[in-house]
């Protein structure tokens, strides 16, 4: 019941899950003020919990991807989640390294280079944007998370090697071999999961064929036990990935294995992971906050998304997108659960990552909402004037009419008093509805059609 309150958006268009995350962040800040973050950041349980939450978030980001929609914009999506993510991370990392001369800040550019799919799903309500642009942004936000995780593994080793505190006993080639070895292990784990899932489906197909042969009628298209097996397989994979750091296999599994009837359970698990990650972020931020570095990191991520969108939109998208569609993609940078969890996972290796990424996430989202409200006309002068009460809106024409009416009121009142004091012009004359009766030019007819002398001319 409580998770249902976090679904949807407020009247201002702000997702309720974001408000819940802010509340969890505040609780984490209080908890971090009571228990120092240094006491649990280096704990192995902290690392396992961070990877567990990251695995849940990655599976949730790829579970809802419609591959039929991806085929329609396959070239754009492939370039966006490969070259686009690498270019964004390189731009952001270059700005941070040039500004602060710290090689480990290369990792920070990757932590915020991805787009949060939960926030994108909650913001796809702009009527001016075409369904094609919405589909591109949605698939982009879902597919760039696995690529970001893969880049994090590689660039982390590179930053350690190039940094001042790097291990001088190794080599860059050895680190590259370790990264590709980790990628191979992820692919092997993914292949093992797909093999198990294929065996489960084959067993169900064989039982369905035997039921048809026995004449018992066709088996149901998707039995409940089928979804139960899928849920158990995903839960086991998440537990294994969190203990072995093979979280990329979880993201790939989300494209193949679906939990069917248990999709609401998955949505609730992703929301709980988001709230738990926000609380952990607040607990770590209570010890240190680098506001200036975080604001620069967030602004760089927002600007990098716009530049990459301009390049991809002009070189690859045919037919070209409209101006509203390009703005929707260029201003679509948002950070959420993946950026938080990547920062929490990197904190034991690169101390101070959360202190920079935390303010950066806030900066990116504030910029997104500000530009979104500006595009919707919220700050338009004409819209604000229309929202004011009627009594406070006085245009120049209305003031002129008000002054003319006020000046004409005494004259009208004087005419009314003069008409009331004037003697009657005749008993048989009908009352006038539009003003005073015109003056009689001759004798007034009396009763029975007889004429009477006019009092104005006297008696003859």
Protein backbone atom coordinates (compact mmCIF):
# COMPACT_ATOMS: atom_id res chain seq x y z
CA UNK A 1 0.00 0.00 0.00
CA UNK A 2 2.81 2.38 0.87
CA UNK A 3 4.56 1.77 -2.43
CA UNK A 4 1.37 2.59 -4.33
CA UNK A 5 1.54 6.11 -2.91
CA UNK A 6 4.93 6.57 -4.61
CA UNK A 7 3.58 5.84 -8.09
CA UNK A 8 2.56 8.61 -10.45
CA UNK A 9 3.27 12.33 -10.27
CA UNK A 10 2.04 15.35 -8.37
CA UNK A 11 -0.01 18.16 -9.87
CA UNK A 12 3.22 20.01 -10.66
CA UNK A 13 4.51 17.02 -12.64
CA UNK A 14 7.07 15.91 -10.04
CA UNK A 15 7.28 12.11 -9.61
CA UNK A 16 6.19 10.99 -6.16
CA UNK A 17 9.07 8.55 -5.99
CA UNK A 18 11.43 11.55 -6.13
CA UNK A 19 9.71 13.03 -3.07
CA UNK A 20 10.07 9.68 -1.31
CA UNK A 21 13.75 9.60 -2.22
CA UNK A 22 14.21 13.09 -0.75
CA UNK A 23 12.60 11.94 2.49
CA UNK A 24 14.87 8.86 2.56
CA UNK A 25 17.86 11.13 1.90
CA UNK A 26 16.98 13.26 4.92
CA UNK A 27 16.65 10.15 7.10
CA UNK A 28 20.06 9.03 5.88
CA UNK A 29 21.57 12.38 6.79
CA UNK A 30 20.22 12.03 10.33
CA UNK A 31 21.51 8.45 10.57
CA UNK A 32 24.92 9.50 9.26
CA UNK A 33 25.11 12.26 11.86
CA UNK A 34 24.54 9.68 14.62
CA UNK A 35 26.82 6.95 13.20
CA UNK A 36 29.92 8.16 11.38
CA UNK A 37 30.00 7.00 7.72
CA UNK A 38 33.63 5.90 8.04
CA UNK A 39 32.52 3.07 10.29
CA UNK A 40 30.45 1.30 7.62
CA UNK A 41 31.84 2.43 4.23
CA UNK A 42 34.78 0.04 4.48
CA UNK A 43 32.59 -2.82 5.72
CA UNK A 44 32.21 -5.75 3.26
CA UNK A 45 28.48 -5.75 3.97
CA UNK A 46 28.29 -2.18 2.64
CA UNK A 47 29.88 -3.22 -0.66
CA UNK A 48 27.59 -6.23 -1.03
CA UNK A 49 24.49 -4.15 -0.31
CA UNK A 50 25.53 -1.50 -2.84
CA UNK A 51 26.08 -4.12 -5.57
CA UNK A 52 22.81 -5.87 -4.65
CA UNK A 53 20.83 -2.65 -5.05
CA UNK A 54 22.71 -1.89 -8.29
CA UNK A 55 21.79 -5.33 -9.68
CA UNK A 56 18.11 -4.78 -8.87
CA UNK A 57 18.16 -1.37 -10.53
CA UNK A 58 19.90 -2.66 -13.67
CA UNK A 59 17.45 -5.53 -14.10
CA UNK A 60 14.52 -3.16 -13.65
CA UNK A 61 15.92 -0.74 -16.24
CA UNK A 62 16.18 -3.38 -18.97
CA UNK A 63 13.18 -5.54 -18.06
CA UNK A 64 10.59 -3.23 -19.64
CA UNK A 65 12.44 -2.64 -22.91
CA UNK A 66 10.31 -3.41 -25.93
CA UNK A 67 12.71 -4.85 -28.51
CA UNK A 68 10.21 -4.20 -31.31
CA UNK A 69 10.46 -0.45 -30.59
CA UNK A 70 14.24 -0.71 -30.46
CA UNK A 71 14.36 -2.20 -33.95
CA UNK A 72 12.67 0.90 -35.38
CA UNK A 73 15.52 3.13 -34.17
CA UNK A 74 18.24 0.51 -33.92
CA UNK A 75 21.03 2.58 -35.46
CA UNK A 76 20.30 5.62 -33.31
CA UNK A 77 20.08 3.57 -30.12
CA UNK A 78 23.29 1.64 -30.81
CA UNK A 79 25.27 4.80 -31.46
CA UNK A 80 23.70 6.58 -28.47
CA UNK A 81 24.48 3.82 -25.95
CA UNK A 82 27.99 3.15 -27.28
CA UNK A 83 29.69 6.17 -28.83
CA UNK A 84 27.23 8.55 -27.17
CA UNK A 85 27.91 7.28 -23.64
CA UNK A 86 31.67 7.21 -24.23
CA UNK A 87 31.63 10.75 -25.66
CA UNK A 88 29.53 12.06 -22.78
CA UNK A 89 31.77 10.44 -20.18
CA UNK A 90 34.89 11.79 -21.95
CA UNK A 91 33.51 15.35 -22.08
CA UNK A 92 32.45 15.34 -18.44
CA UNK A 93 35.68 13.73 -17.25
CA UNK A 94 37.79 16.16 -19.26
CA UNK A 95 36.06 19.14 -17.68
CA UNK A 96 36.55 17.74 -14.18
CA UNK A 97 40.23 16.82 -14.71
CA UNK A 98 41.06 20.18 -16.28
CA UNK A 99 39.26 22.04 -13.51
CA UNK A 100 40.68 20.17 -10.50
CA UNK A 101 43.77 18.34 -11.88
CA UNK A 102 42.76 15.02 -10.31
CA UNK A 103 42.94 11.93 -12.51
CA UNK A 104 40.43 9.96 -10.43
CA UNK A 105 37.76 12.46 -11.44
CA UNK A 106 37.56 10.59 -14.75
CA UNK A 107 35.34 8.08 -12.94
CA UNK A 108 32.91 10.80 -11.90
CA UNK A 109 32.07 11.54 -15.51
CA UNK A 110 30.89 7.95 -16.00
CA UNK A 111 28.85 7.90 -12.80
CA UNK A 112 26.55 10.65 -14.11
CA UNK A 113 26.77 9.94 -17.86
CA UNK A 114 23.70 7.67 -17.91
CA UNK A 115 20.04 8.75 -17.93
CA UNK A 116 17.71 7.49 -15.23
CA UNK A 117 14.97 5.35 -16.86
CA UNK A 118 12.56 5.77 -13.92
CA UNK A 119 12.57 9.55 -14.24
CA UNK A 120 12.25 9.37 -18.03
CA UNK A 121 9.23 7.06 -17.74
CA UNK A 122 7.54 9.51 -15.39
CA UNK A 123 8.17 12.50 -17.69
CA UNK A 124 6.92 11.15 -21.04
CA UNK A 125 3.77 13.29 -21.04
CA UNK A 126 4.68 16.18 -23.35
CA UNK A 127 2.05 16.37 -26.08
CA UNK A 128 4.34 18.41 -28.35
CA UNK A 129 6.88 15.56 -28.57
CA UNK A 130 6.37 12.80 -31.12
CA UNK A 131 6.10 9.14 -30.03
CA UNK A 132 9.28 8.45 -31.99
CA UNK A 133 11.36 10.85 -29.88
CA UNK A 134 9.83 9.47 -26.69
CA UNK A 135 10.71 5.93 -27.73
CA UNK A 136 14.31 6.93 -28.55
CA UNK A 137 14.82 8.59 -25.16
CA UNK A 138 13.19 5.71 -23.29
CA UNK A 139 15.33 3.06 -24.99
CA UNK A 140 18.43 5.26 -24.66
CA UNK A 141 17.85 5.60 -20.90
CA UNK A 142 17.38 1.85 -20.49
CA UNK A 143 20.31 0.65 -22.60
CA UNK A 144 22.99 3.08 -21.41
CA UNK A 145 23.08 1.66 -17.86
CA UNK A 146 24.92 -1.58 -18.81
CA UNK A 147 27.35 0.41 -20.93
CA UNK A 148 27.98 2.78 -18.03
CA UNK A 149 28.72 -0.12 -15.67
CA UNK A 150 31.17 -1.60 -18.18
CA UNK A 151 32.95 1.74 -18.58
CA UNK A 152 33.10 2.16 -14.81
CA UNK A 153 35.02 -1.10 -14.44
CA UNK A 154 37.54 -0.16 -17.12
CA UNK A 155 38.04 3.52 -16.24
CA UNK A 156 38.33 2.71 -12.53
CA UNK A 157 41.37 0.56 -13.24
CA UNK A 158 42.74 3.24 -15.58
CA UNK A 159 42.24 6.00 -12.98
CA UNK A 160 44.00 3.95 -10.32
CA UNK A 161 46.90 3.30 -12.70
CA UNK A 162 47.26 6.97 -13.72
CA UNK A 163 46.56 8.40 -10.30
CA UNK A 164 49.12 9.32 -7.67
CA UNK A 165 48.02 6.44 -5.45
CA UNK A 166 48.14 3.82 -8.22
CA UNK A 167 49.83 0.46 -7.82
CA UNK A 168 53.17 0.70 -9.57
CA UNK A 169 53.66 -3.08 -9.63
CA UNK A 170 51.14 -3.65 -12.42
CA UNK A 171 50.75 -2.36 -15.93
CA UNK A 172 48.07 -0.82 -18.07
CA UNK A 173 48.00 -3.90 -20.28
CA UNK A 174 47.34 -6.13 -17.28
CA UNK A 175 44.50 -3.89 -16.16
CA UNK A 176 42.99 -4.00 -19.65
CA UNK A 177 43.23 -7.79 -19.63
CA UNK A 178 41.48 -7.87 -16.25
CA UNK A 179 38.67 -5.68 -17.56
CA UNK A 180 38.12 -7.84 -20.62
CA UNK A 181 38.31 -10.91 -18.40
CA UNK A 182 35.56 -9.45 -16.25
CA UNK A 183 33.50 -8.81 -19.38
CA UNK A 184 34.01 -12.42 -20.46
CA UNK A 185 32.83 -13.69 -17.06
CA UNK A 186 29.72 -11.53 -17.34
CA UNK A 187 28.97 -13.01 -20.75
CA UNK A 188 29.52 -16.55 -19.46
CA UNK A 189 27.17 -15.97 -16.54
CA UNK A 190 24.58 -14.53 -18.89
CA UNK A 191 24.94 -17.54 -21.20
CA UNK A 192 24.45 -19.90 -18.25
CA UNK A 193 21.26 -18.10 -17.23
CA UNK A 194 19.94 -18.19 -20.79
CA UNK A 195 20.70 -21.92 -20.97
CA UNK A 196 18.77 -22.60 -17.75
CA UNK A 197 15.88 -20.47 -18.97
CA UNK A 198 15.84 -22.34 -22.28
CA UNK A 199 15.68 -25.69 -20.46
CA UNK A 200 12.74 -24.45 -18.40
CA UNK A 201 10.90 -23.35 -21.52
CA UNK A 202 11.67 -26.64 -23.29
CA UNK A 203 10.32 -28.58 -20.33
CA UNK A 204 7.13 -26.54 -20.42
CA UNK A 205 6.76 -27.05 -24.18
CA UNK A 206 7.23 -30.81 -23.81
CA UNK A 207 4.60 -31.00 -21.07
CA UNK A 208 2.25 -28.99 -23.24
CA UNK A 209 2.80 -31.37 -26.18
CA UNK A 210 2.15 -34.40 -23.98
CA UNK A 211 -1.08 -32.80 -22.76
CA UNK A 212 -2.23 -32.30 -26.35
CA UNK A 213 -1.34 -35.88 -27.25
CA UNK A 214 -3.31 -37.23 -24.29
CA UNK A 215 -6.34 -35.20 -25.40
CA UNK A 216 -6.53 -33.13 -22.21
CA UNK A 217 -6.83 -29.90 -24.16
CA UNK A 218 -4.27 -27.17 -24.73
CA UNK A 219 -2.24 -26.05 -21.77
CA UNK A 220 -2.47 -22.43 -20.67
CA UNK A 221 -0.23 -20.03 -22.55
CA UNK A 222 1.65 -18.87 -19.46
CA UNK A 223 1.15 -21.00 -16.33
CA UNK A 224 1.84 -19.44 -12.96
CA UNK A 225 4.68 -21.87 -12.29
CA UNK A 226 6.43 -20.51 -15.39
CA UNK A 227 6.60 -17.02 -13.85
CA UNK A 228 7.65 -18.49 -10.51
CA UNK A 229 10.65 -20.17 -12.13
CA UNK A 230 11.56 -16.89 -13.83
CA UNK A 231 11.37 -14.98 -10.53
CA UNK A 232 13.52 -17.57 -8.72
CA UNK A 233 16.09 -17.52 -11.52
CA UNK A 234 16.35 -13.74 -11.45
CA UNK A 235 16.63 -13.67 -7.65
CA UNK A 236 19.45 -16.23 -7.73
CA UNK A 237 21.25 -14.28 -10.46
CA UNK A 238 21.02 -11.02 -8.51
CA UNK A 239 22.47 -12.67 -5.40
CA UNK A 240 25.36 -14.20 -7.38
CA UNK A 241 26.09 -10.97 -9.25
CA UNK A 242 26.21 -8.93 -6.04
CA UNK A 243 28.80 -11.28 -4.56
CA UNK A 244 30.95 -11.54 -7.71
CA UNK A 245 30.53 -7.96 -9.11
CA UNK A 246 29.16 -9.43 -12.36
CA UNK A 247 26.29 -6.98 -12.54
CA UNK A 248 26.45 -6.58 -16.32
CA UNK A 249 25.02 -10.09 -16.70
CA UNK A 250 21.96 -8.98 -14.74
CA UNK A 251 21.29 -6.12 -17.16
CA UNK A 252 21.59 -8.46 -20.15
CA UNK A 253 19.27 -10.99 -18.50
CA UNK A 254 16.55 -8.37 -18.23
CA UNK A 255 16.27 -8.41 -22.03
CA UNK A 256 15.57 -12.16 -22.14
CA UNK A 257 14.01 -13.34 -18.87
CA UNK A 258 10.72 -11.68 -17.86
CA UNK A 259 8.85 -12.31 -14.64
CA UNK A 260 5.38 -11.99 -16.20
CA UNK A 261 2.73 -11.76 -13.49
CA UNK A 262 5.32 -10.70 -10.92
CA UNK A 263 6.14 -7.46 -12.72
CA UNK A 264 4.44 -5.40 -9.94
CA UNK A 265 6.72 -7.17 -7.45
CA UNK A 266 9.70 -6.09 -9.53
CA UNK A 267 8.47 -2.49 -9.62
CA UNK A 268 8.15 -2.51 -5.86
CA UNK A 269 11.64 -3.95 -5.48
CA UNK A 270 13.09 -1.22 -7.73
CA UNK A 271 11.33 1.48 -5.70
CA UNK A 272 12.61 -0.02 -2.45
CA UNK A 273 16.12 -0.14 -3.93
CA UNK A 274 15.81 3.53 -4.90
CA UNK A 275 14.71 4.51 -1.39
CA UNK A 276 17.43 2.41 0.26
CA UNK A 277 20.07 3.87 -2.06
CA UNK A 278 18.88 7.40 -1.26
CA UNK A 279 19.13 6.68 2.48
CA UNK A 280 22.66 5.29 2.04
CA UNK A 281 23.58 8.34 -0.03
CA UNK A 282 22.40 10.64 2.75
CA UNK A 283 24.33 8.67 5.36
CA UNK A 284 27.59 9.00 3.39
CA UNK A 285 26.94 12.66 2.52
CA UNK A 286 26.60 13.51 6.19
CA UNK A 287 30.37 13.22 6.53
CA UNK A 288 31.40 15.35 3.55
CA UNK A 289 29.86 17.39 0.72
CA UNK A 290 31.86 18.96 -2.13
CA UNK A 291 29.28 21.44 -3.36
CA UNK A 292 31.33 23.32 -5.94
CA UNK A 293 32.73 20.18 -7.59
CA UNK A 294 29.28 18.61 -7.60
CA UNK A 295 27.62 21.60 -9.23
CA UNK A 296 30.27 21.70 -11.95
CA UNK A 297 29.91 17.96 -12.52
CA UNK A 298 26.13 18.24 -12.83
CA UNK A 299 26.27 21.20 -15.20
CA UNK A 300 28.86 19.40 -17.35
CA UNK A 301 26.67 16.28 -17.56
CA UNK A 302 23.65 18.34 -18.60
CA UNK A 303 25.61 20.22 -21.28
CA UNK A 304 27.23 17.00 -22.55
CA UNK A 305 23.82 15.42 -23.11
CA UNK A 306 22.75 18.40 -25.21
CA UNK A 307 25.93 18.34 -27.34
CA UNK A 308 25.73 14.58 -27.95
CA UNK A 309 22.06 14.88 -28.90
CA UNK A 310 22.86 17.60 -31.45
CA UNK A 311 25.54 15.43 -33.06
CA UNK A 312 23.46 12.26 -33.13
CA UNK A 313 20.31 14.06 -34.22
CA UNK A 314 21.97 15.75 -37.20
CA UNK A 315 24.14 12.87 -38.38
CA UNK A 316 22.01 9.77 -37.82
CA UNK A 317 18.32 10.51 -37.42
CA UNK A 318 16.39 10.40 -40.71
CA UNK A 319 13.91 11.96 -41.16
CA UNK A 320 15.14 14.71 -38.92
CA UNK A 321 13.43 15.38 -35.64
CA UNK A 322 11.44 18.52 -35.01
CA UNK A 323 12.67 21.28 -32.72
CA UNK A 324 10.47 20.05 -29.87
CA UNK A 325 11.82 16.50 -30.28
CA UNK A 326 15.43 17.69 -30.28
CA UNK A 327 14.79 19.72 -27.15
CA UNK A 328 13.14 16.71 -25.51
CA UNK A 329 16.24 14.59 -26.16
CA UNK A 330 18.81 17.30 -25.49
CA UNK A 331 17.26 18.35 -22.18
CA UNK A 332 16.45 14.80 -21.14
CA UNK A 333 19.49 14.26 -18.89
CA UNK A 334 18.34 12.99 -15.50
CA UNK A 335 20.14 11.06 -12.79
CA UNK A 336 18.63 8.66 -10.30
CA UNK A 337 19.13 5.19 -8.95
CA UNK A 338 22.00 4.10 -11.23
CA UNK A 339 24.10 7.19 -10.54
CA UNK A 340 23.51 6.87 -6.79
CA UNK A 341 24.41 3.19 -6.75
CA UNK A 342 27.50 3.66 -8.91
CA UNK A 343 28.70 6.37 -6.54
CA UNK A 344 28.08 4.13 -3.53
CA UNK A 345 29.95 1.27 -5.22
CA UNK A 346 32.92 3.50 -6.07
CA UNK A 347 33.14 5.12 -2.63
CA UNK A 348 35.33 2.42 -0.98
CA UNK A 349 37.88 2.68 -3.84
CA UNK A 350 37.67 6.44 -4.52
CA UNK A 351 36.89 8.19 -1.26
CA UNK A 352 34.89 11.36 -1.82
CA UNK A 353 32.96 10.09 -4.84
CA UNK A 354 29.61 10.39 -3.08
CA UNK A 355 30.51 13.87 -1.83
CA UNK A 356 30.77 15.04 -5.46
CA UNK A 357 28.15 12.88 -7.18
CA UNK A 358 25.44 13.68 -4.62
CA UNK A 359 25.31 17.45 -5.37
CA UNK A 360 25.78 16.66 -9.07
CA UNK A 361 22.60 14.55 -9.12
CA UNK A 362 20.66 17.39 -7.50
CA UNK A 363 22.12 19.91 -9.98
CA UNK A 364 21.24 17.79 -13.03
CA UNK A 365 17.66 17.23 -11.91
CA UNK A 366 17.14 20.88 -10.98
CA UNK A 367 18.38 21.96 -14.41
CA UNK A 368 16.11 19.41 -16.08
CA UNK A 369 13.00 20.55 -14.22
CA UNK A 370 13.82 24.23 -14.73
CA UNK A 371 14.18 23.87 -18.50
CA UNK A 372 11.14 21.61 -18.65
CA UNK A 373 8.93 24.13 -16.87
CA UNK A 374 10.34 26.94 -19.00
CA UNK A 375 9.47 25.02 -22.19
CA UNK A 376 5.96 24.29 -20.95
CA UNK A 377 5.24 28.03 -20.60
CA UNK A 378 5.06 28.06 -16.81
CA UNK A 379 7.15 31.24 -16.61
CA UNK A 380 5.54 32.86 -19.65
CA UNK A 381 4.34 36.39 -18.87
CA UNK A 382 1.06 35.94 -20.70
CA UNK A 383 0.36 32.68 -18.83
CA UNK A 384 1.09 34.30 -15.47
CA UNK A 385 -1.17 37.27 -16.32
CA UNK A 386 -4.02 34.92 -17.20
CA UNK A 387 -3.61 33.10 -13.89
CA UNK A 388 -4.06 36.31 -11.85
CA UNK A 389 -7.49 37.07 -10.35
CA UNK A 390 -9.86 39.08 -12.53
CA UNK A 391 -9.95 42.09 -10.19
CA UNK A 392 -6.22 42.64 -10.49
CA UNK A 393 -6.09 42.60 -14.28
CA UNK A 394 -6.52 46.16 -15.58
CA UNK A 395 -5.54 46.65 -19.17
CA UNK A 396 -5.29 50.20 -20.56
CA UNK A 397 -8.57 49.75 -22.47
CA UNK A 398 -10.31 48.57 -19.31
CA UNK A 399 -9.01 51.62 -17.36
CA UNK A 400 -10.31 53.97 -20.08
CA UNK A 401 -13.76 52.38 -20.01
CA UNK A 402 -13.80 52.56 -16.20
CA UNK A 403 -12.91 56.31 -16.22
CA UNK A 404 -15.49 57.14 -18.91
CA UNK A 405 -18.22 55.31 -17.01
CA UNK A 406 -17.34 57.07 -13.76
CA UNK A 407 -17.49 60.50 -15.41
CA UNK A 408 -20.83 59.73 -17.09
CA UNK A 409 -22.59 58.62 -13.90
CA UNK A 410 -23.44 62.17 -12.53
CA UNK A 411 -24.88 63.28 -15.90
CA UNK A 412 -27.10 60.23 -16.08
CA UNK A 413 -28.32 60.78 -12.53
CA UNK A 414 -29.12 64.45 -13.27
CA UNK A 415 -31.12 63.44 -16.34
CA UNK A 416 -33.07 60.95 -14.27
CA UNK A 417 -33.96 63.57 -11.61
CA UNK A 418 -34.97 66.08 -14.31
CA UNK A 419 -37.23 63.52 -16.01
CA UNK A 420 -38.87 62.66 -12.69
CA UNK A 421 -39.59 66.34 -11.90
CA UNK A 422 -41.08 67.11 -15.33
CA UNK A 423 -44.95 67.29 -15.50
CA UNK A 424 -46.79 64.47 -17.29
CA UNK A 425 -47.45 64.96 -20.95
CA UNK A 426 -50.78 63.19 -21.02
CA UNK A 427 -52.70 60.45 -19.31
CA UNK A 428 -53.20 58.43 -22.47
CA UNK A 429 -49.60 58.45 -23.61
CA UNK A 430 -47.94 55.04 -23.24
CA UNK A 431 -44.79 54.94 -21.07
CA UNK A 432 -41.54 55.06 -22.95
CA UNK A 433 -39.16 52.10 -22.55
CA UNK A 434 -36.12 53.65 -24.15
CA UNK A 435 -36.09 57.13 -22.63
CA UNK A 436 -38.26 60.21 -22.02
CA UNK A 437 -41.26 60.74 -24.36
CA UNK A 438 -40.76 63.27 -27.15
CA UNK A 439 -42.42 66.62 -26.86
CA UNK A 440 -45.97 66.82 -28.21
CA UNK A 441 -46.31 68.91 -31.31
CA UNK A 442 -50.08 69.36 -31.00
CA UNK A 443 -53.03 68.86 -28.72
CA UNK A 444 -53.15 65.57 -26.88
CA UNK A 445 -56.11 63.34 -27.53
CA UNK A 446 -58.44 63.09 -24.58
CA UNK A 447 -60.81 60.36 -23.65
CA UNK A 448 -63.14 59.03 -26.30
CA UNK A 449 -60.83 60.35 -28.99
CA UNK A 450 -61.52 64.04 -28.11
CA UNK A 451 -58.70 66.49 -28.05
CA UNK A 452 -57.88 68.64 -25.00
CA UNK A 453 -56.05 71.94 -24.97
CA UNK A 454 -52.38 71.73 -24.44
CA UNK A 455 -51.27 73.21 -21.13
CA UNK A 456 -48.16 74.60 -22.73
CA UNK A 457 -50.06 76.80 -25.25
CA UNK A 458 -52.90 77.86 -23.01
CA UNK A 459 -56.56 78.18 -23.80
CA UNK A 460 -57.53 79.68 -27.15
